């Protein structure tokens, strides 16, 4: 149960990208087509990352480092 609170940095990065796109859409910087296309690609990437998660993935500290 303790490991469920860990979120890999790749998922955080993708979710942050979604928030940025939502902001840009609210500001009418991007159109609906581009927004929908990009959001769908990001959601698919999140699902792929979630499917990779197992005990080895959770215990590998490198999956939680943010790259700058």
N, C-alpha and C. Protein backbone atom coordinates (compact mmCIF):
# COMPACT_ATOMS: atom_id res chain seq x y z
N UNK A 1 0.82 -1.19 0.00
CA UNK A 1 0.00 0.00 0.00
C UNK A 1 0.86 1.26 0.00
N UNK A 2 2.04 1.17 0.60
CA UNK A 2 2.92 2.32 0.69
C UNK A 2 3.39 2.80 -0.69
N UNK A 3 3.60 1.89 -1.63
CA UNK A 3 4.12 2.23 -2.95
C UNK A 3 3.09 2.94 -3.83
N UNK A 4 1.82 2.87 -3.51
CA UNK A 4 0.80 3.47 -4.35
C UNK A 4 0.88 5.00 -4.38
N UNK A 5 1.50 5.60 -3.38
CA UNK A 5 1.58 7.06 -3.34
C UNK A 5 2.70 7.60 -4.21
N UNK A 6 3.57 6.73 -4.73
CA UNK A 6 4.65 7.17 -5.59
C UNK A 6 4.13 7.36 -7.01
N UNK A 7 4.51 8.47 -7.62
CA UNK A 7 4.12 8.76 -8.99
C UNK A 7 5.39 9.00 -9.79
N UNK A 8 5.62 8.22 -10.84
CA UNK A 8 6.83 8.42 -11.66
C UNK A 8 6.87 9.83 -12.26
N UNK A 9 8.06 10.35 -12.40
CA UNK A 9 8.23 11.71 -12.90
C UNK A 9 7.73 11.86 -14.34
N UNK A 10 7.79 10.81 -15.14
CA UNK A 10 7.31 10.89 -16.52
C UNK A 10 5.81 11.17 -16.54
N UNK A 11 5.06 10.56 -15.64
CA UNK A 11 3.61 10.80 -15.57
C UNK A 11 3.35 12.23 -15.11
N UNK A 12 4.11 12.71 -14.16
CA UNK A 12 3.96 14.10 -13.69
C UNK A 12 4.25 15.06 -14.83
N UNK A 13 5.29 14.78 -15.61
CA UNK A 13 5.63 15.63 -16.75
C UNK A 13 4.50 15.67 -17.77
N UNK A 14 3.91 14.53 -18.07
CA UNK A 14 2.82 14.46 -19.05
C UNK A 14 1.58 15.18 -18.53
N UNK A 15 1.27 15.01 -17.25
CA UNK A 15 0.10 15.69 -16.68
C UNK A 15 0.31 17.21 -16.64
N UNK A 16 1.53 17.64 -16.42
CA UNK A 16 1.84 19.07 -16.46
C UNK A 16 1.65 19.62 -17.86
N UNK A 17 2.03 18.84 -18.86
CA UNK A 17 1.82 19.25 -20.25
C UNK A 17 0.34 19.40 -20.56
N UNK A 18 -0.48 18.53 -20.02
CA UNK A 18 -1.93 18.63 -20.22
C UNK A 18 -2.45 19.92 -19.59
N UNK A 19 -1.99 20.24 -18.40
CA UNK A 19 -2.42 21.49 -17.75
C UNK A 19 -2.02 22.71 -18.57
N UNK A 20 -0.82 22.68 -19.15
CA UNK A 20 -0.37 23.78 -19.99
C UNK A 20 -1.27 23.91 -21.22
N UNK A 21 -1.62 22.79 -21.84
CA UNK A 21 -2.51 22.83 -23.00
C UNK A 21 -3.89 23.37 -22.63
N UNK A 22 -4.38 22.99 -21.45
CA UNK A 22 -5.67 23.52 -21.00
C UNK A 22 -5.61 25.03 -20.85
N UNK A 23 -4.51 25.53 -20.32
CA UNK A 23 -4.32 26.97 -20.17
C UNK A 23 -4.29 27.66 -21.53
N UNK A 24 -3.52 27.09 -22.47
CA UNK A 24 -3.42 27.67 -23.80
C UNK A 24 -4.76 27.67 -24.52
N UNK A 25 -5.56 26.63 -24.31
CA UNK A 25 -6.87 26.57 -24.94
C UNK A 25 -7.79 27.64 -24.35
N UNK A 26 -7.73 27.84 -23.05
CA UNK A 26 -8.55 28.87 -22.40
C UNK A 26 -8.18 30.26 -22.92
N UNK A 27 -6.92 30.46 -23.23
CA UNK A 27 -6.44 31.75 -23.73
C UNK A 27 -6.59 31.87 -25.25
N UNK A 28 -7.20 30.88 -25.88
CA UNK A 28 -7.40 30.84 -27.33
C UNK A 28 -6.10 30.93 -28.11
N UNK A 29 -5.04 30.37 -27.55
CA UNK A 29 -3.75 30.34 -28.21
C UNK A 29 -3.68 29.19 -29.21
N UNK A 30 -4.34 28.08 -28.87
CA UNK A 30 -4.40 26.93 -29.79
C UNK A 30 -5.86 26.63 -30.09
N UNK A 31 -6.09 26.03 -31.25
CA UNK A 31 -7.47 25.72 -31.64
C UNK A 31 -7.89 24.36 -31.08
N UNK A 32 -9.18 24.07 -31.20
CA UNK A 32 -9.73 22.84 -30.64
C UNK A 32 -9.12 21.59 -31.27
N UNK A 33 -8.87 21.62 -32.56
CA UNK A 33 -8.31 20.45 -33.24
C UNK A 33 -6.93 20.09 -32.72
N UNK A 34 -6.07 21.09 -32.60
CA UNK A 34 -4.72 20.85 -32.09
C UNK A 34 -4.78 20.41 -30.63
N UNK A 35 -5.65 21.04 -29.86
CA UNK A 35 -5.81 20.68 -28.45
C UNK A 35 -6.21 19.21 -28.32
N UNK A 36 -7.26 18.81 -29.04
CA UNK A 36 -7.75 17.44 -28.95
C UNK A 36 -6.70 16.43 -29.40
N UNK A 37 -6.03 16.72 -30.51
CA UNK A 37 -4.99 15.83 -31.02
C UNK A 37 -3.88 15.63 -29.99
N UNK A 38 -3.40 16.73 -29.43
CA UNK A 38 -2.29 16.66 -28.48
C UNK A 38 -2.70 16.02 -27.17
N UNK A 39 -3.89 16.33 -26.69
CA UNK A 39 -4.37 15.73 -25.44
C UNK A 39 -4.50 14.22 -25.60
N UNK A 40 -5.03 13.77 -26.72
CA UNK A 40 -5.16 12.32 -26.95
C UNK A 40 -3.80 11.63 -26.97
N UNK A 41 -2.81 12.25 -27.60
CA UNK A 41 -1.46 11.68 -27.62
C UNK A 41 -0.88 11.60 -26.21
N UNK A 42 -1.07 12.65 -25.43
CA UNK A 42 -0.55 12.66 -24.05
C UNK A 42 -1.26 11.64 -23.18
N UNK A 43 -2.56 11.50 -23.34
CA UNK A 43 -3.30 10.51 -22.55
C UNK A 43 -2.85 9.10 -22.90
N UNK A 44 -2.58 8.85 -24.17
CA UNK A 44 -2.06 7.53 -24.56
C UNK A 44 -0.69 7.27 -23.95
N UNK A 45 0.16 8.30 -23.91
CA UNK A 45 1.48 8.14 -23.29
C UNK A 45 1.37 7.86 -21.80
N UNK A 46 0.41 8.51 -21.14
CA UNK A 46 0.20 8.27 -19.72
C UNK A 46 -0.23 6.83 -19.49
N UNK A 47 -1.12 6.32 -20.33
CA UNK A 47 -1.56 4.93 -20.20
C UNK A 47 -0.40 3.96 -20.40
N UNK A 48 0.48 4.26 -21.34
CA UNK A 48 1.65 3.41 -21.57
C UNK A 48 2.55 3.42 -20.34
N UNK A 49 2.78 4.59 -19.78
CA UNK A 49 3.62 4.70 -18.58
C UNK A 49 2.99 3.95 -17.41
N UNK A 50 1.69 4.07 -17.24
CA UNK A 50 1.01 3.37 -16.14
C UNK A 50 1.09 1.86 -16.33
N UNK A 51 1.06 1.40 -17.57
CA UNK A 51 1.13 -0.04 -17.81
C UNK A 51 2.52 -0.61 -17.51
N UNK A 52 3.54 0.23 -17.50
CA UNK A 52 4.90 -0.21 -17.19
C UNK A 52 5.12 -0.41 -15.69
N UNK A 53 4.24 0.14 -14.89
CA UNK A 53 4.46 0.15 -13.44
C UNK A 53 4.28 -1.26 -12.87
N UNK A 54 5.33 -1.74 -12.23
CA UNK A 54 5.31 -2.97 -11.46
C UNK A 54 6.25 -2.78 -10.27
N UNK A 55 6.51 -3.81 -9.49
CA UNK A 55 7.33 -3.64 -8.30
C UNK A 55 8.76 -3.17 -8.63
N UNK A 56 9.34 -3.70 -9.69
CA UNK A 56 10.70 -3.27 -10.05
C UNK A 56 10.71 -1.81 -10.47
N UNK A 57 9.70 -1.41 -11.23
CA UNK A 57 9.60 -0.03 -11.69
C UNK A 57 9.42 0.90 -10.50
N UNK A 58 8.57 0.53 -9.57
CA UNK A 58 8.29 1.35 -8.39
C UNK A 58 9.53 1.52 -7.52
N UNK A 59 10.33 0.47 -7.40
CA UNK A 59 11.50 0.52 -6.53
C UNK A 59 12.73 1.14 -7.18
N UNK A 60 12.68 1.45 -8.47
CA UNK A 60 13.81 2.08 -9.16
C UNK A 60 13.73 3.59 -8.97
N UNK A 61 14.66 4.13 -8.23
CA UNK A 61 14.65 5.56 -7.88
C UNK A 61 14.81 6.45 -9.11
N UNK A 62 15.39 5.96 -10.17
CA UNK A 62 15.59 6.77 -11.38
C UNK A 62 14.28 7.15 -12.05
N UNK A 63 13.21 6.44 -11.78
CA UNK A 63 11.92 6.75 -12.37
C UNK A 63 11.24 7.93 -11.67
N UNK A 64 11.85 8.46 -10.64
CA UNK A 64 11.24 9.57 -9.90
C UNK A 64 12.07 10.84 -9.95
N UNK A 65 13.09 10.85 -10.76
CA UNK A 65 13.93 12.03 -10.90
C UNK A 65 13.40 12.89 -12.02
N UNK A 66 13.26 14.17 -11.76
CA UNK A 66 12.84 15.11 -12.78
C UNK A 66 14.06 15.58 -13.56
N UNK A 67 13.97 15.52 -14.85
CA UNK A 67 15.08 15.98 -15.70
C UNK A 67 14.88 17.44 -16.01
N UNK A 68 15.93 18.21 -15.84
CA UNK A 68 15.86 19.65 -16.11
C UNK A 68 16.85 20.01 -17.17
